[in-house]
Protein backbone atom coordinates (compact mmCIF):
# COMPACT_ATOMS: atom_id res chain seq x y z
CA MET A 1 84.21 83.11 86.24
CA PRO A 2 87.71 84.40 85.21
CA ALA A 3 89.82 81.93 83.52
CA PRO A 4 93.04 80.70 85.09
CA THR A 5 96.04 82.85 84.07
CA ARG A 6 99.17 81.49 82.79
CA LYS A 7 100.80 82.20 86.13
CA THR A 8 98.05 80.13 87.86
CA ILE A 9 98.40 77.23 85.33
CA LEU A 10 102.22 77.22 85.76
CA ALA A 11 101.76 77.13 89.47
CA GLU A 12 99.32 74.30 89.44
CA GLN A 13 101.69 72.25 87.27
CA HIS A 14 104.57 72.90 89.66
CA ILE A 15 102.39 71.92 92.55
CA GLU A 16 101.49 68.57 90.99
CA GLN A 17 105.19 67.93 90.07
CA ALA A 18 106.75 69.13 93.33
CA ILE A 19 104.45 66.95 95.56
CA GLN A 20 105.79 63.85 94.07
CA ASP A 21 108.95 64.36 96.03
CA MET A 22 107.33 65.55 99.24
CA PRO A 23 106.66 63.50 102.39
CA PHE A 24 102.86 62.20 102.59
CA TYR A 25 102.00 64.69 105.36
CA VAL A 26 103.11 67.65 103.16
CA VAL A 27 100.95 66.29 100.45
CA GLU A 28 98.02 65.97 102.69
CA TYR A 29 98.48 69.55 103.74
CA ILE A 30 98.71 70.92 100.22
CA ARG A 31 95.57 68.98 99.31
CA SER A 32 93.76 70.38 102.55
CA LYS A 33 94.57 73.94 101.65
CA LYS A 34 93.73 73.58 97.91
CA ARG A 35 90.22 72.31 99.23
CA ALA A 36 90.24 75.42 101.33
CA SER A 37 90.69 77.63 98.28
CA TYR A 38 94.28 78.61 98.98
CA SER A 39 95.72 80.24 95.94
CA SER A 40 97.70 78.10 93.71
CA LEU A 41 100.48 80.81 93.55
CA THR A 42 100.77 80.65 97.32
CA LEU A 43 100.94 76.90 97.60
CA SER A 44 103.54 76.70 94.82
CA GLY A 45 105.60 79.24 96.75
CA TYR A 46 105.42 77.27 99.92
CA LEU A 47 106.65 74.09 98.13
CA HIS A 48 109.73 75.94 96.86
CA ASP A 49 110.16 76.84 100.58
CA TYR A 50 109.53 73.24 101.86
CA LYS A 51 111.96 71.91 99.47
CA ARG A 52 114.76 74.16 100.64
CA PHE A 53 113.74 73.40 104.26
CA PHE A 54 114.02 69.57 103.87
CA ASP A 55 117.07 69.75 101.91
CA TRP A 56 118.67 71.86 104.82
CA LEU A 57 117.38 69.27 107.39
CA ARG A 58 119.26 66.59 105.44
CA GLN A 59 122.40 68.52 104.82
CA GLU A 60 122.52 69.37 108.56
CA GLY A 61 122.03 65.73 109.79
CA LEU A 62 118.78 66.68 111.41
CA ALA A 63 116.89 64.12 109.10
CA THR A 64 118.83 61.08 108.12
CA ALA A 65 116.37 59.89 105.37
CA GLU A 66 118.01 59.38 101.88
CA THR A 67 115.14 61.47 100.37
CA THR A 68 112.87 64.36 101.27
CA LYS A 69 109.96 61.92 100.79
CA ASP A 70 111.09 59.68 103.34
CA VAL A 71 111.61 62.23 106.21
CA PRO A 72 109.24 61.34 108.95
CA TYR A 73 107.07 63.98 110.76
CA THR A 74 108.84 62.86 113.89
CA VAL A 75 111.78 64.94 112.67
CA LEU A 76 109.67 68.10 112.64
CA GLU A 77 108.14 67.15 116.13
CA LYS A 78 111.59 67.00 117.60
CA LEU A 79 113.09 70.25 116.21
CA GLN A 80 114.33 72.71 118.64
CA LYS A 81 113.93 76.51 118.51
CA LYS A 82 117.63 76.87 118.00
CA ASP A 83 117.35 74.65 115.01
CA ILE A 84 114.77 76.89 113.27
CA GLU A 85 116.81 79.99 114.24
CA LEU A 86 119.80 78.54 112.56
CA PHE A 87 117.70 77.84 109.42
CA ILE A 88 116.44 81.43 109.43
CA GLU A 89 120.05 82.83 109.86
CA MET A 90 121.23 80.64 106.89
CA LEU A 91 118.52 82.14 104.72
CA MET A 92 119.21 85.58 105.62
CA GLU A 93 123.00 85.01 104.86
CA GLU A 94 122.45 82.76 101.63
CA LYS A 95 123.40 84.39 98.38
CA ILE A 96 121.04 83.97 95.46
CA GLU A 97 121.94 84.37 91.88
CA LYS A 98 119.81 87.06 90.53
CA ASN A 99 121.31 87.28 87.15
CA GLU A 100 124.24 85.17 85.60
CA GLY A 101 127.19 85.85 87.84
CA VAL A 102 125.35 88.29 89.98
CA PHE A 103 124.50 87.09 93.50
CA VAL A 104 122.47 88.97 96.11
CA LYS A 105 121.28 88.27 99.67
CA ARG A 106 117.63 87.04 100.18
CA SER A 107 115.23 89.84 100.83
CA ALA A 108 113.67 90.29 104.40
CA ASP A 109 110.09 89.62 102.60
CA SER A 110 111.41 86.41 101.18
CA THR A 111 112.83 85.09 104.39
CA ASN A 112 109.35 86.09 106.22
CA ARG A 113 107.59 84.02 103.59
CA PHE A 114 109.64 81.01 104.66
CA ILE A 115 108.79 81.50 108.20
CA GLN A 116 104.91 81.98 107.32
CA SER A 117 105.01 78.84 105.03
CA LEU A 118 106.55 76.82 107.94
CA LYS A 119 104.14 78.14 110.38
CA SER A 120 101.29 77.19 108.05
CA LEU A 121 102.56 73.68 107.74
CA PHE A 122 103.34 73.16 111.40
CA ASN A 123 99.73 74.55 112.45
CA TYR A 124 98.14 72.02 110.15
CA LEU A 125 100.26 69.26 111.55
CA THR A 126 99.64 70.07 115.19
CA GLN A 127 95.99 71.15 114.96
CA GLU A 128 94.46 69.83 111.67
CA SER A 129 96.03 66.66 110.84
CA GLU A 130 94.57 63.26 111.79
CA SER A 131 96.27 59.87 112.15
CA ASP A 132 94.55 56.54 112.26
CA ASP A 133 93.73 56.94 115.91
CA GLY A 134 92.16 60.26 115.40
CA GLU A 135 94.84 62.24 116.94
CA CYS A 136 97.06 65.02 115.21
CA TYR A 137 100.29 63.63 114.07
CA PHE A 138 102.08 65.56 116.85
CA TYR A 139 101.39 68.44 119.12
CA ARG A 140 104.66 70.21 119.82
CA ASN A 141 104.77 73.30 117.48
CA VAL A 142 108.17 74.74 117.66
CA MET A 143 107.19 77.27 115.10
CA ALA A 144 104.74 78.85 117.57
CA LYS A 145 107.84 80.11 119.26
CA ILE A 146 109.20 81.78 116.17
CA LYS A 147 108.27 85.56 115.60
CA THR A 148 108.04 86.94 112.19
CA PRO A 149 110.44 90.12 112.21
CA LYS A 150 108.40 93.27 111.90
CA LYS A 151 109.12 95.73 109.08
CA GLN A 152 111.26 98.63 110.13
CA GLU A 153 109.02 101.16 108.48
CA SER A 154 105.76 102.75 109.29
CA THR A 155 102.69 102.57 107.20
CA ALA A 156 103.01 106.30 106.09
CA PHE A 157 106.65 105.67 105.07
CA ARG A 158 105.72 102.48 103.06
CA SER A 159 103.00 104.46 101.30
CA LYS A 160 105.23 107.32 100.47
CA ARG A 161 107.97 104.85 99.19
CA ILE A 162 105.51 103.13 96.89
CA SER A 163 103.76 106.23 95.74
CA ALA A 164 107.10 107.56 94.54
CA SER A 165 107.41 104.88 91.98
CA MET A 166 103.83 105.01 90.63
CA TYR A 167 101.90 107.18 88.23
CA SER A 168 98.98 109.08 89.66
CA GLY A 169 96.48 111.66 88.50
CA LYS A 170 97.79 113.79 85.68
CA GLN A 171 100.90 111.62 85.09
CA MET A 172 98.58 108.54 84.34
CA THR A 173 96.50 110.57 81.93
CA ASP A 174 99.59 111.96 80.34
CA PHE A 175 101.13 108.48 80.01
CA LEU A 176 97.82 106.98 78.47
CA ASN A 177 97.62 109.83 76.05
CA PHE A 178 101.23 109.46 74.82
CA VAL A 179 100.54 105.64 74.20
CA LYS A 180 97.38 106.61 72.27
CA ARG A 181 99.04 109.43 69.99
CA ASP A 182 102.52 109.62 70.02
CA TYR A 183 104.32 106.37 70.97
CA VAL A 184 104.05 105.00 67.42
CA ASN A 185 106.29 107.97 66.35
CA THR A 186 108.94 106.52 68.54
CA LEU A 187 109.15 103.13 66.67
CA GLU A 188 110.88 101.81 63.64
CA SER A 189 108.50 100.90 60.81
CA ARG A 190 108.10 97.16 61.51
CA ALA A 191 107.73 97.68 65.22
CA ALA A 192 105.18 100.65 64.38
CA ALA A 193 103.08 98.30 62.26
CA ARG A 194 102.84 95.79 64.83
CA PHE A 195 101.84 98.30 67.38
CA GLU A 196 99.12 99.63 65.01
CA HIS A 197 97.68 96.26 64.56
CA ASN A 198 97.54 95.62 68.52
CA ARG A 199 96.94 99.39 69.34
CA LEU A 200 93.15 99.11 70.55
CA ARG A 201 94.08 95.85 72.53
CA ASP A 202 97.03 97.32 74.29
CA ILE A 203 95.33 100.68 74.97
CA ALA A 204 92.52 98.79 76.51
CA ILE A 205 94.73 96.81 78.71
CA ILE A 206 96.66 99.90 79.88
CA SER A 207 93.54 101.88 80.35
CA LEU A 208 91.92 99.09 82.35
CA LEU A 209 94.90 98.66 84.55
CA GLN A 210 95.04 102.25 85.30
CA GLY A 211 91.18 102.54 85.51
CA SER A 212 90.18 99.60 87.79
CA GLY A 213 93.05 98.95 90.05
CA ALA A 214 93.07 95.30 88.95
CA ARG A 215 96.36 93.59 88.97
CA VAL A 216 97.84 92.24 85.73
CA ASN A 217 97.15 88.61 86.51
CA GLU A 218 93.53 89.63 87.31
CA VAL A 219 93.21 91.29 83.97
CA ALA A 220 94.90 88.42 82.11
CA GLY A 221 92.12 86.05 83.41
CA LEU A 222 89.20 88.10 82.46
CA LEU A 223 86.55 86.33 80.27
CA LEU A 224 84.19 88.28 77.89
CA ALA A 225 81.39 87.40 80.22
CA ASP A 226 83.23 89.35 83.14
CA ILE A 227 82.83 92.65 81.34
CA ASP A 228 79.64 94.59 82.29
CA THR A 229 79.55 97.58 79.90
CA VAL A 230 76.07 98.69 81.12
CA HIS A 231 76.98 99.00 84.82
CA GLY A 232 80.81 99.83 84.08
CA ASP A 233 82.44 97.15 86.03
CA ILE A 234 84.40 93.72 85.72
CA THR A 235 84.20 90.57 87.74
CA ALA A 236 87.80 89.52 88.68
CA LEU A 237 89.40 86.68 90.74
CA ARG A 238 91.21 88.43 93.21
CA LYS A 239 93.77 87.57 95.83
CA GLY A 240 92.74 84.68 98.05
CA ASN A 241 90.68 83.25 95.16
CA GLN A 242 87.89 85.58 95.87
CA LEU A 243 85.54 86.76 93.15
CA ASP A 244 85.08 90.47 93.32
CA THR A 245 83.19 93.11 91.31
CA ILE A 246 85.63 96.16 90.37
CA SER A 247 84.26 99.50 89.14
CA VAL A 248 85.92 100.78 86.02
CA THR A 249 86.35 104.47 85.06
CA GLU A 250 84.40 105.74 82.11
CA THR A 251 87.63 106.29 80.15
CA ALA A 252 88.81 102.80 80.66
CA MET A 253 85.41 101.21 79.77
CA GLN A 254 85.21 103.32 76.43
CA ASP A 255 88.72 102.24 75.52
CA LEU A 256 87.57 98.73 76.28
CA LYS A 257 84.48 98.95 74.07
CA GLU A 258 86.60 100.11 71.23
CA TYR A 259 88.76 97.35 71.50
CA LEU A 260 85.68 94.88 71.69
CA GLU A 261 84.20 96.48 68.69
CA GLU A 262 87.31 95.50 66.50
CA ARG A 263 88.51 92.35 68.27
CA ASP A 264 86.79 89.72 66.06
CA TRP A 265 87.99 91.70 62.99
CA LEU A 266 91.43 92.06 64.26
CA TYR A 267 92.09 88.55 65.75
CA LYS A 268 89.46 86.26 64.27
CA PRO A 269 88.98 84.26 67.41
CA ASP A 270 87.35 80.86 67.45
CA LYS A 271 83.81 81.49 68.57
CA LYS A 272 83.47 78.37 70.23
CA GLU A 273 86.73 78.29 72.17
CA SER A 274 87.73 82.00 72.56
CA VAL A 275 86.08 83.31 75.65
CA CYS A 276 89.06 85.05 77.17
CA LEU A 277 88.98 88.82 76.79
CA PHE A 278 92.62 89.02 75.83
CA ASP A 279 93.34 85.47 74.73
CA GLU A 280 95.47 86.50 71.69
CA ILE A 281 98.23 87.63 74.14
CA PRO A 282 100.95 85.19 75.18
CA TRP A 283 100.90 86.34 78.80
CA LYS A 284 104.31 85.66 80.36
CA SER A 285 105.31 83.84 83.32
CA GLN A 286 105.58 85.24 86.89
CA SER A 287 108.97 86.27 86.54
CA ASP A 288 108.02 88.76 84.03
CA TYR A 289 104.73 90.36 85.79
CA GLY A 290 104.25 91.20 89.34
C-alpha cells in the first residue's frame, strides 16, 4: 500500500493537535469519519473551518463559553437560518492575507467548503451521534436549510478553462524532451551538476505524472512494491483513500525503469528502511503542491 505523503502526515498531525481544543462532539465526529476512511486532508481542512466557525460564534455572542472546547451542542441546535447566513456573508466579505501585506477575499470554492464541512458535522450530530439514552444529540438541523451556491459556469466552460492552462499532446512530449535534452543548458554550473545527479529521478517523476494522470501526492506516496513493470501500471492511494490501479504509458514506464536501474547507485538507500519510490526527495507541504 502506498506510503503516507508529507501532506498526509502533516494533516494527521494537525488533526491530533486541533481536536485538543474542540468540543467533545466534534472530536467524536472526527474519530467517526476517520474510521469511515475519510481523507486526513479533508478532515484537517474541516477542523480549520470549525475553528473559524466556533470563534465566530463566540465573537458574536451566540456562544458564551470562554473557550471553544466548552461550547455545548445546544448552541448549534438553537442556531437560526439567519445566523448561518450571516456567517456565510462574513466569509464572503472577509479579507485574507495571501502574501505579506496583500489581502484578498475568500474564494467561492473556499466558502463552499465551509458550508460542506458544517453540513457534514450537523448531519452527524442529528443523524449518527448517540447520547447516553440512545438518541442523537439533537434533531434540528439548520444546515439542511442552507444551499450550496451553484457554480456560475457550465461543465464545457470549466473544461475549456482548465484545458487552457494544461499541456496536452505534442506540448507534453515537447516539454519532456526539453527536460531530457536541453534544460541542463539553461543552468549555471552548480545547478547543472545537481540536475545531472537527479536527472533520471526528475525525468521519471515528470514522465510518470504525464503518463499516468496521477496527482503529485499520489506519486509522492508510491512504494517500490506499487510499481508493476510487467503489466505497466502502478497502485496508488487516490482521493477518498481508495486504492486504484493506474495504467502508465510505455514512455513513462521506460523512464521509470531507467531511474530504478540507477536508483541504488545514485542514492544508496537503506535496503531495510527505504521502500518509497522517491524517498530521497524532501516532498514539500500542501502549500507548495496541488
